[in-house]
Each structure stands twice: as C-alpha cells, then as structure tokens.
Amino acid sequence: MREQGVIVSINVSRGGVPKLPVSAARVNPMGLDGDGQRDRRHHGGPDRALCLYSMERIEALQREGHAIAPGTTGENLTLRGLDWDTITPGVQLRAGGVTMEITAYASPCKSIRPSFADENSNRIAQKLHPGWSRVYARVVGSGELRVGDAVVRRPSIHPVGD
C-alpha cells in the first residue's frame, strides 16, 4: 500500500467544468479559495469541500480513449502515487498544511460527459467500477496547498468492522 503521493494539479473554476490549474491555493472548511460550484445541492459544502482524483486513473482512462485530463471531471486535487483503491471514506490525507478526511465517493454527473469517448460518465461510478471514482473530502485543518506538495495517507479513523 503506497502511503505517500504528490499533488500534480490543483484545479479551480467559478463553477462548472473544466476546473483549471493553479499553482497554489488556500484551503478552508468550504474548499479552495477561488473555487465555486454551480449546483450547490450536489456539490460543495463542508462534507464535499474538496474533490480528489488519481492521476494514474486519469492516465488509464486516457489509454482507453477518453478525453479526460486533470480538472475535466471537476476534481480540485489531482494526486499521483497513492494506492487509489485504499482512498476510501474515513481515510485522512495530509498535504502541505492541510488535513482532509475522505467522506464519500463522488457520483458522476452529466456535466462531465465530454471527458468520456462515449459520453458515459458512469465509467467512473463507484458502484459500477469500484476504485475508479473521484472522492469527496472535508477539510479538517485549513492551510495552503501547492503543486508538488507531498500527500501522506493516514489510517482510516473508522476502521472496517466498527
């Protein structure tokens, strides 16, 4: 199990996708400064302050012929080097001065369909393709993130069997 990775892209938009790269951003309990969501009923808020995705998963999807790239599916942080199968609800990550806790898998929505060759965003639905979903996180400790910051996986705070 890989316990450390790196931030390869920090992505923001005023709302919608694609989210575009920035080199650094302040993070607070509601998310990244300068980032917004058009649909606040399904996105954002304290339990969905950040959306994270794996660069390795993006690259695998590109090899399948999809037009996905960092930020095109709305993730705020694109990470490399973590065992994505272990990034599950309850896991904490620490990056830069920020601590975050994974809260849920992010369901695909219609706005990200252009990232997929067949416009079927269910390719990254957790229920259909376990381990391929983006994840939401709450911010436990605010701070600043920079591209290149190490990301350290901490053990789940809610171990299986609790």
N, C-alpha and C. Protein backbone atom coordinates (compact mmCIF):
# COMPACT_ATOMS: atom_id res chain seq x y z
N MET A 1 0.85 -1.18 0.00
CA MET A 1 0.00 0.00 0.00
C MET A 1 0.90 1.24 0.00
N ARG A 2 0.72 2.09 -0.99
CA ARG A 2 1.50 3.31 -1.05
C ARG A 2 0.88 4.34 -0.12
N GLU A 3 1.67 4.82 0.81
CA GLU A 3 1.18 5.73 1.84
C GLU A 3 1.49 7.19 1.53
N GLN A 4 2.29 7.47 0.49
CA GLN A 4 2.63 8.85 0.17
C GLN A 4 2.54 9.07 -1.32
N GLY A 5 1.98 10.22 -1.67
CA GLY A 5 1.87 10.64 -3.06
C GLY A 5 2.25 12.10 -3.17
N VAL A 6 1.78 12.73 -4.25
CA VAL A 6 2.11 14.13 -4.51
C VAL A 6 0.93 14.79 -5.23
N ILE A 7 0.75 16.08 -4.99
CA ILE A 7 -0.25 16.86 -5.74
C ILE A 7 0.35 17.20 -7.10
N VAL A 8 -0.30 16.75 -8.18
CA VAL A 8 0.18 17.08 -9.53
C VAL A 8 -0.61 18.21 -10.16
N SER A 9 -1.82 18.47 -9.64
CA SER A 9 -2.61 19.58 -10.17
C SER A 9 -3.60 20.04 -9.11
N ILE A 10 -3.73 21.37 -8.99
CA ILE A 10 -4.76 22.00 -8.16
C ILE A 10 -5.67 22.71 -9.15
N ASN A 11 -6.98 22.44 -9.07
CA ASN A 11 -7.90 22.88 -10.12
C ASN A 11 -9.06 23.68 -9.53
N VAL A 12 -9.36 24.83 -10.13
CA VAL A 12 -10.45 25.68 -9.66
C VAL A 12 -11.26 26.22 -10.84
N SER A 13 -12.49 26.62 -10.55
CA SER A 13 -13.32 27.35 -11.51
C SER A 13 -14.33 28.15 -10.72
N ARG A 14 -14.97 29.07 -11.38
CA ARG A 14 -16.03 29.85 -10.72
C ARG A 14 -17.31 29.02 -10.62
N GLY A 15 -17.32 27.90 -11.28
CA GLY A 15 -18.46 26.99 -11.31
C GLY A 15 -18.41 26.17 -12.57
N GLY A 16 -18.67 24.90 -12.46
CA GLY A 16 -18.68 24.03 -13.63
C GLY A 16 -17.30 23.50 -13.97
N VAL A 17 -17.27 22.78 -15.09
CA VAL A 17 -16.04 22.16 -15.59
C VAL A 17 -15.73 22.68 -16.97
N PRO A 18 -14.47 22.67 -17.35
CA PRO A 18 -13.36 22.12 -16.58
C PRO A 18 -12.91 23.08 -15.49
N LYS A 19 -12.31 22.51 -14.47
CA LYS A 19 -11.61 23.31 -13.47
C LYS A 19 -10.19 23.47 -13.99
N LEU A 20 -9.65 24.66 -13.86
CA LEU A 20 -8.35 24.98 -14.47
C LEU A 20 -7.24 25.01 -13.44
N PRO A 21 -6.02 24.68 -13.86
CA PRO A 21 -4.92 24.56 -12.90
C PRO A 21 -4.44 25.89 -12.35
N VAL A 22 -4.08 25.85 -11.07
CA VAL A 22 -3.39 26.95 -10.39
C VAL A 22 -2.21 26.33 -9.66
N SER A 23 -1.20 27.13 -9.36
CA SER A 23 0.00 26.57 -8.72
C SER A 23 -0.16 26.39 -7.21
N ALA A 24 -1.07 27.17 -6.61
CA ALA A 24 -1.27 27.10 -5.16
C ALA A 24 -2.66 27.63 -4.84
N ALA A 25 -3.18 27.23 -3.67
CA ALA A 25 -4.48 27.73 -3.22
C ALA A 25 -4.60 27.58 -1.72
N ARG A 26 -5.27 28.53 -1.10
CA ARG A 26 -5.62 28.41 0.32
C ARG A 26 -6.84 27.51 0.42
N VAL A 27 -6.88 26.75 1.49
CA VAL A 27 -7.97 25.81 1.72
C VAL A 27 -8.61 26.12 3.05
N ASN A 28 -9.94 26.15 3.06
CA ASN A 28 -10.70 26.37 4.29
C ASN A 28 -11.79 25.30 4.36
N PRO A 29 -12.58 25.26 5.42
CA PRO A 29 -13.58 24.20 5.54
C PRO A 29 -14.62 24.14 4.43
N MET A 30 -14.73 25.18 3.61
CA MET A 30 -15.67 25.14 2.49
C MET A 30 -14.99 24.84 1.16
N GLY A 31 -13.66 24.67 1.16
CA GLY A 31 -12.97 24.30 -0.07
C GLY A 31 -11.82 25.22 -0.41
N LEU A 32 -11.49 25.26 -1.69
CA LEU A 32 -10.38 26.09 -2.17
C LEU A 32 -10.84 27.52 -2.39
N ASP A 33 -10.04 28.49 -1.96
CA ASP A 33 -10.33 29.88 -2.28
C ASP A 33 -10.34 30.03 -3.80
N GLY A 34 -11.33 30.72 -4.32
CA GLY A 34 -11.42 30.96 -5.76
C GLY A 34 -12.16 29.88 -6.52
N ASP A 35 -12.63 28.85 -5.82
CA ASP A 35 -13.36 27.78 -6.49
C ASP A 35 -14.84 27.89 -6.15
N GLY A 36 -15.68 27.58 -7.11
CA GLY A 36 -17.12 27.63 -6.88
C GLY A 36 -17.81 26.46 -7.54
N GLN A 37 -19.06 26.27 -7.20
CA GLN A 37 -19.89 25.22 -7.78
C GLN A 37 -21.20 25.82 -8.23
N ARG A 38 -21.66 25.42 -9.40
CA ARG A 38 -22.94 25.91 -9.90
C ARG A 38 -24.11 25.24 -9.18
N ASP A 39 -23.96 23.96 -8.88
CA ASP A 39 -25.03 23.17 -8.28
C ASP A 39 -24.67 22.86 -6.83
N ARG A 40 -25.01 23.76 -5.92
CA ARG A 40 -24.64 23.61 -4.51
C ARG A 40 -25.44 22.50 -3.81
N ARG A 41 -26.49 22.02 -4.43
CA ARG A 41 -27.24 20.91 -3.84
C ARG A 41 -26.46 19.61 -3.94
N HIS A 42 -25.70 19.44 -5.02
CA HIS A 42 -24.96 18.19 -5.25
C HIS A 42 -23.45 18.34 -5.08
N HIS A 43 -22.96 19.56 -5.01
CA HIS A 43 -21.51 19.80 -4.93
C HIS A 43 -21.22 20.84 -3.86
N GLY A 44 -20.03 20.74 -3.27
CA GLY A 44 -19.61 21.72 -2.28
C GLY A 44 -20.20 21.47 -0.91
N GLY A 45 -19.97 22.39 -0.01
CA GLY A 45 -20.39 22.25 1.38
C GLY A 45 -19.29 21.59 2.20
N PRO A 46 -19.43 21.58 3.51
CA PRO A 46 -18.34 21.10 4.36
C PRO A 46 -17.96 19.64 4.17
N ASP A 47 -18.91 18.77 3.83
CA ASP A 47 -18.56 17.36 3.63
C ASP A 47 -18.09 17.05 2.21
N ARG A 48 -18.22 18.03 1.32
CA ARG A 48 -17.75 17.89 -0.07
C ARG A 48 -16.91 19.11 -0.44
N ALA A 49 -16.10 19.56 0.52
CA ALA A 49 -15.31 20.78 0.32
C ALA A 49 -14.29 20.61 -0.79
N LEU A 50 -13.75 19.40 -0.92
CA LEU A 50 -12.75 19.11 -1.95
C LEU A 50 -13.14 17.84 -2.70
N CYS A 51 -12.84 17.83 -3.98
CA CYS A 51 -12.99 16.63 -4.79
C CYS A 51 -11.59 16.22 -5.24
N LEU A 52 -11.25 14.96 -5.06
CA LEU A 52 -9.91 14.45 -5.36
C LEU A 52 -9.99 13.34 -6.39
N TYR A 53 -8.93 13.24 -7.22
CA TYR A 53 -8.86 12.13 -8.18
C TYR A 53 -7.42 11.73 -8.41
N SER A 54 -7.27 10.53 -8.90
CA SER A 54 -5.97 9.91 -9.13
C SER A 54 -5.45 10.17 -10.54
N MET A 55 -4.21 10.65 -10.65
CA MET A 55 -3.60 10.84 -11.96
C MET A 55 -3.41 9.50 -12.67
N GLU A 56 -3.11 8.44 -11.91
CA GLU A 56 -2.97 7.13 -12.53
C GLU A 56 -4.28 6.66 -13.16
N ARG A 57 -5.40 6.95 -12.50
CA ARG A 57 -6.71 6.57 -13.07
C ARG A 57 -6.99 7.41 -14.33
N ILE A 58 -6.66 8.70 -14.28
CA ILE A 58 -6.85 9.56 -15.46
C ILE A 58 -6.03 9.02 -16.63
N GLU A 59 -4.77 8.66 -16.39
CA GLU A 59 -3.92 8.15 -17.47
C GLU A 59 -4.45 6.83 -18.02
N ALA A 60 -4.97 5.96 -17.15
CA ALA A 60 -5.55 4.69 -17.62
C ALA A 60 -6.78 4.96 -18.49
N LEU A 61 -7.61 5.92 -18.08
CA LEU A 61 -8.79 6.28 -18.86
C LEU A 61 -8.39 6.89 -20.20
N GLN A 62 -7.33 7.68 -20.23
CA GLN A 62 -6.82 8.22 -21.50
C GLN A 62 -6.40 7.08 -22.43
N ARG A 63 -5.75 6.06 -21.87
CA ARG A 63 -5.33 4.91 -22.69
C ARG A 63 -6.54 4.16 -23.26
N GLU A 64 -7.69 4.26 -22.58
CA GLU A 64 -8.93 3.66 -23.09
C GLU A 64 -9.56 4.52 -24.19
N GLY A 65 -9.00 5.72 -24.42
CA GLY A 65 -9.51 6.60 -25.47
C GLY A 65 -10.38 7.75 -25.00
N HIS A 66 -10.44 7.97 -23.70
CA HIS A 66 -11.25 9.05 -23.16
C HIS A 66 -10.47 10.37 -23.16
N ALA A 67 -11.19 11.49 -23.27
CA ALA A 67 -10.59 12.83 -23.33
C ALA A 67 -10.38 13.44 -21.95
N ILE A 68 -10.41 12.64 -20.92
CA ILE A 68 -10.26 13.12 -19.55
C ILE A 68 -8.85 13.68 -19.32
N ALA A 69 -8.76 14.70 -18.49
CA ALA A 69 -7.49 15.32 -18.10
C ALA A 69 -7.70 15.92 -16.71
N PRO A 70 -6.64 16.30 -16.02
CA PRO A 70 -6.82 16.91 -14.70
C PRO A 70 -7.80 18.09 -14.76
N GLY A 71 -8.80 18.05 -13.89
CA GLY A 71 -9.79 19.12 -13.81
C GLY A 71 -11.01 18.96 -14.68
N THR A 72 -10.97 18.09 -15.69
CA THR A 72 -12.12 17.99 -16.60
C THR A 72 -13.32 17.30 -15.97
N THR A 73 -13.09 16.54 -14.91
CA THR A 73 -14.23 15.92 -14.22
C THR A 73 -14.53 16.62 -12.91
N GLY A 74 -14.00 17.83 -12.74
CA GLY A 74 -14.35 18.67 -11.61
C GLY A 74 -13.55 18.47 -10.35
N GLU A 75 -12.48 17.66 -10.41
CA GLU A 75 -11.73 17.47 -9.18
C GLU A 75 -10.87 18.69 -8.89
N ASN A 76 -10.73 18.99 -7.59
CA ASN A 76 -9.88 20.09 -7.14
C ASN A 76 -8.43 19.69 -7.04
N LEU A 77 -8.19 18.46 -6.61
CA LEU A 77 -6.82 17.97 -6.43
C LEU A 77 -6.62 16.71 -7.24
N THR A 78 -5.61 16.71 -8.09
CA THR A 78 -5.23 15.52 -8.83
C THR A 78 -3.95 15.02 -8.18
N LEU A 79 -4.00 13.76 -7.73
CA LEU A 79 -2.91 13.20 -6.93
C LEU A 79 -2.24 12.04 -7.67
N ARG A 80 -0.93 11.90 -7.45
CA ARG A 80 -0.18 10.78 -8.03
C ARG A 80 0.51 10.04 -6.89
N GLY A 81 0.59 8.72 -7.04
CA GLY A 81 1.42 7.93 -6.15
C GLY A 81 0.74 7.26 -4.98
N LEU A 82 -0.56 7.49 -4.81
CA LEU A 82 -1.29 6.80 -3.74
C LEU A 82 -1.97 5.56 -4.32
N ASP A 83 -2.12 4.53 -3.51
CA ASP A 83 -2.89 3.36 -3.91
C ASP A 83 -4.36 3.76 -3.87
N TRP A 84 -4.93 4.13 -5.02
CA TRP A 84 -6.27 4.71 -5.07
C TRP A 84 -7.33 3.78 -4.50
N ASP A 85 -7.10 2.47 -4.58
CA ASP A 85 -8.07 1.53 -4.02
C ASP A 85 -8.21 1.69 -2.51
N THR A 86 -7.24 2.30 -1.86
CA THR A 86 -7.28 2.48 -0.40
C THR A 86 -7.78 3.86 0.01
N ILE A 87 -8.08 4.72 -0.95
CA ILE A 87 -8.57 6.07 -0.63
C ILE A 87 -10.10 5.98 -0.54
N THR A 88 -10.56 5.68 0.66
CA THR A 88 -11.96 5.37 0.91
C THR A 88 -12.48 6.26 2.04
N PRO A 89 -13.80 6.36 2.17
CA PRO A 89 -14.35 7.17 3.25
C PRO A 89 -13.76 6.78 4.61
N GLY A 90 -13.38 7.83 5.37
CA GLY A 90 -12.77 7.66 6.68
C GLY A 90 -11.26 7.84 6.66
N VAL A 91 -10.63 7.69 5.50
CA VAL A 91 -9.18 7.87 5.40
C VAL A 91 -8.85 9.36 5.50
N GLN A 92 -7.78 9.67 6.21
CA GLN A 92 -7.30 11.05 6.27
C GLN A 92 -6.04 11.18 5.42
N LEU A 93 -5.93 12.33 4.77
CA LEU A 93 -4.75 12.69 3.99
C LEU A 93 -4.21 14.00 4.54
N ARG A 94 -2.90 14.14 4.51
CA ARG A 94 -2.25 15.39 4.91
C ARG A 94 -1.40 15.85 3.75
N ALA A 95 -1.59 17.10 3.33
CA ALA A 95 -0.82 17.69 2.23
C ALA A 95 -0.52 19.13 2.59
N GLY A 96 0.74 19.54 2.41
CA GLY A 96 1.09 20.89 2.81
C GLY A 96 0.68 21.08 4.25
N GLY A 97 -0.04 22.14 4.53
CA GLY A 97 -0.53 22.37 5.88
C GLY A 97 -1.97 21.96 6.07
N VAL A 98 -2.51 21.13 5.17
CA VAL A 98 -3.93 20.82 5.16
C VAL A 98 -4.17 19.35 5.51
N THR A 99 -5.12 19.12 6.41
CA THR A 99 -5.58 17.76 6.70
C THR A 99 -6.99 17.64 6.17
N MET A 100 -7.26 16.55 5.46
CA MET A 100 -8.58 16.30 4.90
C MET A 100 -9.00 14.87 5.19
N GLU A 101 -10.30 14.66 5.30
CA GLU A 101 -10.85 13.33 5.54
C GLU A 101 -11.79 12.98 4.39
N ILE A 102 -11.58 11.82 3.80
CA ILE A 102 -12.45 11.36 2.72
C ILE A 102 -13.82 11.07 3.32
N THR A 103 -14.87 11.63 2.69
CA THR A 103 -16.23 11.48 3.22
C THR A 103 -17.12 10.60 2.35
N ALA A 104 -16.89 10.59 1.03
CA ALA A 104 -17.80 9.86 0.14
C ALA A 104 -17.18 9.73 -1.25
N TYR A 105 -17.75 8.82 -2.02
CA TYR A 105 -17.40 8.72 -3.43
C TYR A 105 -18.23 9.75 -4.19
N ALA A 106 -17.65 10.37 -5.19
CA ALA A 106 -18.35 11.39 -5.98
C ALA A 106 -19.08 10.72 -7.15
N SER A 107 -20.38 10.88 -7.19
CA SER A 107 -21.16 10.32 -8.29
C SER A 107 -20.94 11.13 -9.55
N PRO A 108 -20.81 10.46 -10.69
CA PRO A 108 -20.64 11.21 -11.95
C PRO A 108 -21.93 11.94 -12.32
N CYS A 109 -21.78 13.10 -12.96
CA CYS A 109 -22.95 13.86 -13.39
C CYS A 109 -22.82 14.19 -14.88
N LYS A 110 -23.91 14.71 -15.43
CA LYS A 110 -23.95 14.95 -16.87
C LYS A 110 -22.92 15.98 -17.34
N SER A 111 -22.51 16.90 -16.47
CA SER A 111 -21.58 17.95 -16.91
C SER A 111 -20.19 17.41 -17.24
N ILE A 112 -19.85 16.20 -16.78
CA ILE A 112 -18.52 15.66 -17.08
C ILE A 112 -18.53 14.69 -18.27
N ARG A 113 -19.67 14.49 -18.90
CA ARG A 113 -19.77 13.55 -20.02
C ARG A 113 -18.77 13.80 -21.14
N PRO A 114 -18.44 15.07 -21.48
CA PRO A 114 -17.47 15.29 -22.56
C PRO A 114 -16.08 14.69 -22.30
N SER A 115 -15.79 14.32 -21.05
CA SER A 115 -14.50 13.72 -20.74
C SER A 115 -14.42 12.25 -21.15
N PHE A 116 -15.52 11.70 -21.66
CA PHE A 116 -15.58 10.28 -21.99
C PHE A 116 -15.94 10.09 -23.46
N ALA A 117 -15.23 9.16 -24.09
CA ALA A 117 -15.38 8.93 -25.53
C ALA A 117 -16.84 8.65 -25.91
N ASP A 118 -17.53 7.90 -25.10
CA ASP A 118 -18.93 7.56 -25.38
C ASP A 118 -19.90 8.44 -24.61
N GLU A 119 -19.38 9.49 -23.96
CA GLU A 119 -20.15 10.41 -23.12
C GLU A 119 -20.86 9.69 -21.98
N ASN A 120 -20.33 8.52 -21.59
CA ASN A 120 -20.91 7.76 -20.48
C ASN A 120 -20.01 7.94 -19.25
N SER A 121 -20.34 8.93 -18.44
CA SER A 121 -19.52 9.23 -17.27
C SER A 121 -19.64 8.16 -16.19
N ASN A 122 -20.53 7.21 -16.36
CA ASN A 122 -20.63 6.12 -15.40
C ASN A 122 -19.37 5.25 -15.39
N ARG A 123 -18.45 5.49 -16.31
CA ARG A 123 -17.18 4.77 -16.30
C ARG A 123 -16.43 5.00 -14.99
N ILE A 124 -16.73 6.12 -14.30
CA ILE A 124 -16.08 6.38 -13.02
C ILE A 124 -17.08 6.34 -11.85
N ALA A 125 -18.17 5.59 -12.04
CA ALA A 125 -19.14 5.40 -10.95
C ALA A 125 -18.63 4.31 -10.02
N GLN A 126 -18.55 4.58 -8.75
CA GLN A 126 -18.04 3.62 -7.77
C GLN A 126 -18.84 2.31 -7.77
N LYS A 127 -20.16 2.41 -7.89
CA LYS A 127 -20.99 1.20 -7.85
C LYS A 127 -20.75 0.30 -9.06
N LEU A 128 -20.46 0.87 -10.21
CA LEU A 128 -20.25 0.08 -11.42
C LEU A 128 -18.79 -0.32 -11.62
N HIS A 129 -17.88 0.56 -11.20
CA HIS A 129 -16.44 0.34 -11.39
C HIS A 129 -15.71 0.69 -10.10
N PRO A 130 -15.78 -0.18 -9.09
CA PRO A 130 -15.15 0.11 -7.80
C PRO A 130 -13.67 0.49 -7.96
N GLY A 131 -13.28 1.55 -7.25
CA GLY A 131 -11.90 2.01 -7.28
C GLY A 131 -11.61 3.05 -8.36
N TRP A 132 -12.58 3.35 -9.20
CA TRP A 132 -12.37 4.31 -10.29
C TRP A 132 -13.04 5.66 -10.04
N SER A 133 -13.69 5.82 -8.92
CA SER A 133 -14.42 7.04 -8.61
C SER A 133 -13.51 8.15 -8.09
N ARG A 134 -13.96 9.37 -8.29
CA ARG A 134 -13.39 10.50 -7.56
C ARG A 134 -13.91 10.41 -6.14
N VAL A 135 -13.31 11.14 -5.22
CA VAL A 135 -13.78 11.13 -3.83
C VAL A 135 -13.94 12.57 -3.34
N TYR A 136 -14.87 12.73 -2.39
CA TYR A 136 -15.05 13.99 -1.71
C TYR A 136 -14.33 13.95 -0.37
N ALA A 137 -13.91 15.13 0.09
CA ALA A 137 -13.25 15.23 1.39
C ALA A 137 -13.70 16.47 2.12
N ARG A 138 -13.73 16.36 3.46
CA ARG A 138 -13.93 17.53 4.32
C ARG A 138 -12.55 18.02 4.74
N VAL A 139 -12.46 19.30 4.99
CA VAL A 139 -11.20 19.90 5.44
C VAL A 139 -11.20 19.88 6.96
N VAL A 140 -10.25 19.16 7.54
CA VAL A 140 -10.13 19.04 8.98
C VAL A 140 -9.21 20.14 9.52
N GLY A 141 -8.18 20.47 8.74
CA GLY A 141 -7.25 21.52 9.12
C GLY A 141 -6.93 22.39 7.93
N SER A 142 -7.27 23.68 7.98
CA SER A 142 -7.07 24.62 6.88
C SER A 142 -5.59 24.92 6.67
N GLY A 143 -5.26 25.47 5.49
CA GLY A 143 -3.89 25.84 5.19
C GLY A 143 -3.74 26.15 3.72
N GLU A 144 -2.53 26.00 3.23
CA GLU A 144 -2.24 26.27 1.82
C GLU A 144 -1.69 25.02 1.17
N LEU A 145 -2.10 24.81 -0.08
CA LEU A 145 -1.59 23.69 -0.88
C LEU A 145 -0.85 24.24 -2.08
N ARG A 146 0.19 23.51 -2.48
CA ARG A 146 0.97 23.85 -3.67
C ARG A 146 1.16 22.60 -4.51
N VAL A 147 1.19 22.79 -5.82
CA VAL A 147 1.54 21.68 -6.69
C VAL A 147 2.93 21.20 -6.27
N GLY A 148 3.09 19.88 -6.16
CA GLY A 148 4.35 19.30 -5.72
C GLY A 148 4.37 18.94 -4.24
N ASP A 149 3.36 19.41 -3.47
CA ASP A 149 3.30 19.03 -2.06
C ASP A 149 3.12 17.52 -1.93
N ALA A 150 3.81 16.95 -0.95
CA ALA A 150 3.61 15.54 -0.63
C ALA A 150 2.23 15.36 -0.02
N VAL A 151 1.62 14.21 -0.30
CA VAL A 151 0.33 13.83 0.26
C VAL A 151 0.56 12.53 1.02
N VAL A 152 0.29 12.56 2.32
CA VAL A 152 0.52 11.39 3.17
C VAL A 152 -0.83 10.81 3.57
N ARG A 153 -0.98 9.52 3.34
CA ARG A 153 -2.20 8.81 3.74
C ARG A 153 -2.06 8.39 5.19
N ARG A 154 -3.10 8.69 5.97
CA ARG A 154 -3.14 8.26 7.36
C ARG A 154 -4.13 7.12 7.46
N PRO A 155 -4.03 6.29 8.48
CA PRO A 155 -5.00 5.19 8.62
C PRO A 155 -6.42 5.71 8.74
N SER A 156 -7.38 4.88 8.36
CA SER A 156 -8.78 5.23 8.48
C SER A 156 -9.12 5.52 9.94
N ILE A 157 -9.93 6.57 10.14
CA ILE A 157 -10.35 6.86 11.51
C ILE A 157 -11.58 6.06 11.88
N HIS A 158 -12.17 5.38 10.90
CA HIS A 158 -13.31 4.49 11.12
C HIS A 158 -12.97 3.14 10.52
N PRO A 159 -12.12 2.34 11.19
CA PRO A 159 -11.70 1.07 10.62
C PRO A 159 -12.89 0.16 10.29
N VAL A 160 -12.71 -0.66 9.26
CA VAL A 160 -13.74 -1.62 8.87
C VAL A 160 -14.05 -2.50 10.08
N GLY A 161 -15.31 -2.71 10.31
CA GLY A 161 -15.73 -3.54 11.44
C GLY A 161 -16.25 -2.72 12.61
N ASP A 162 -16.08 -1.40 12.55
CA ASP A 162 -16.62 -0.54 13.63
C ASP A 162 -18.11 -0.46 13.53
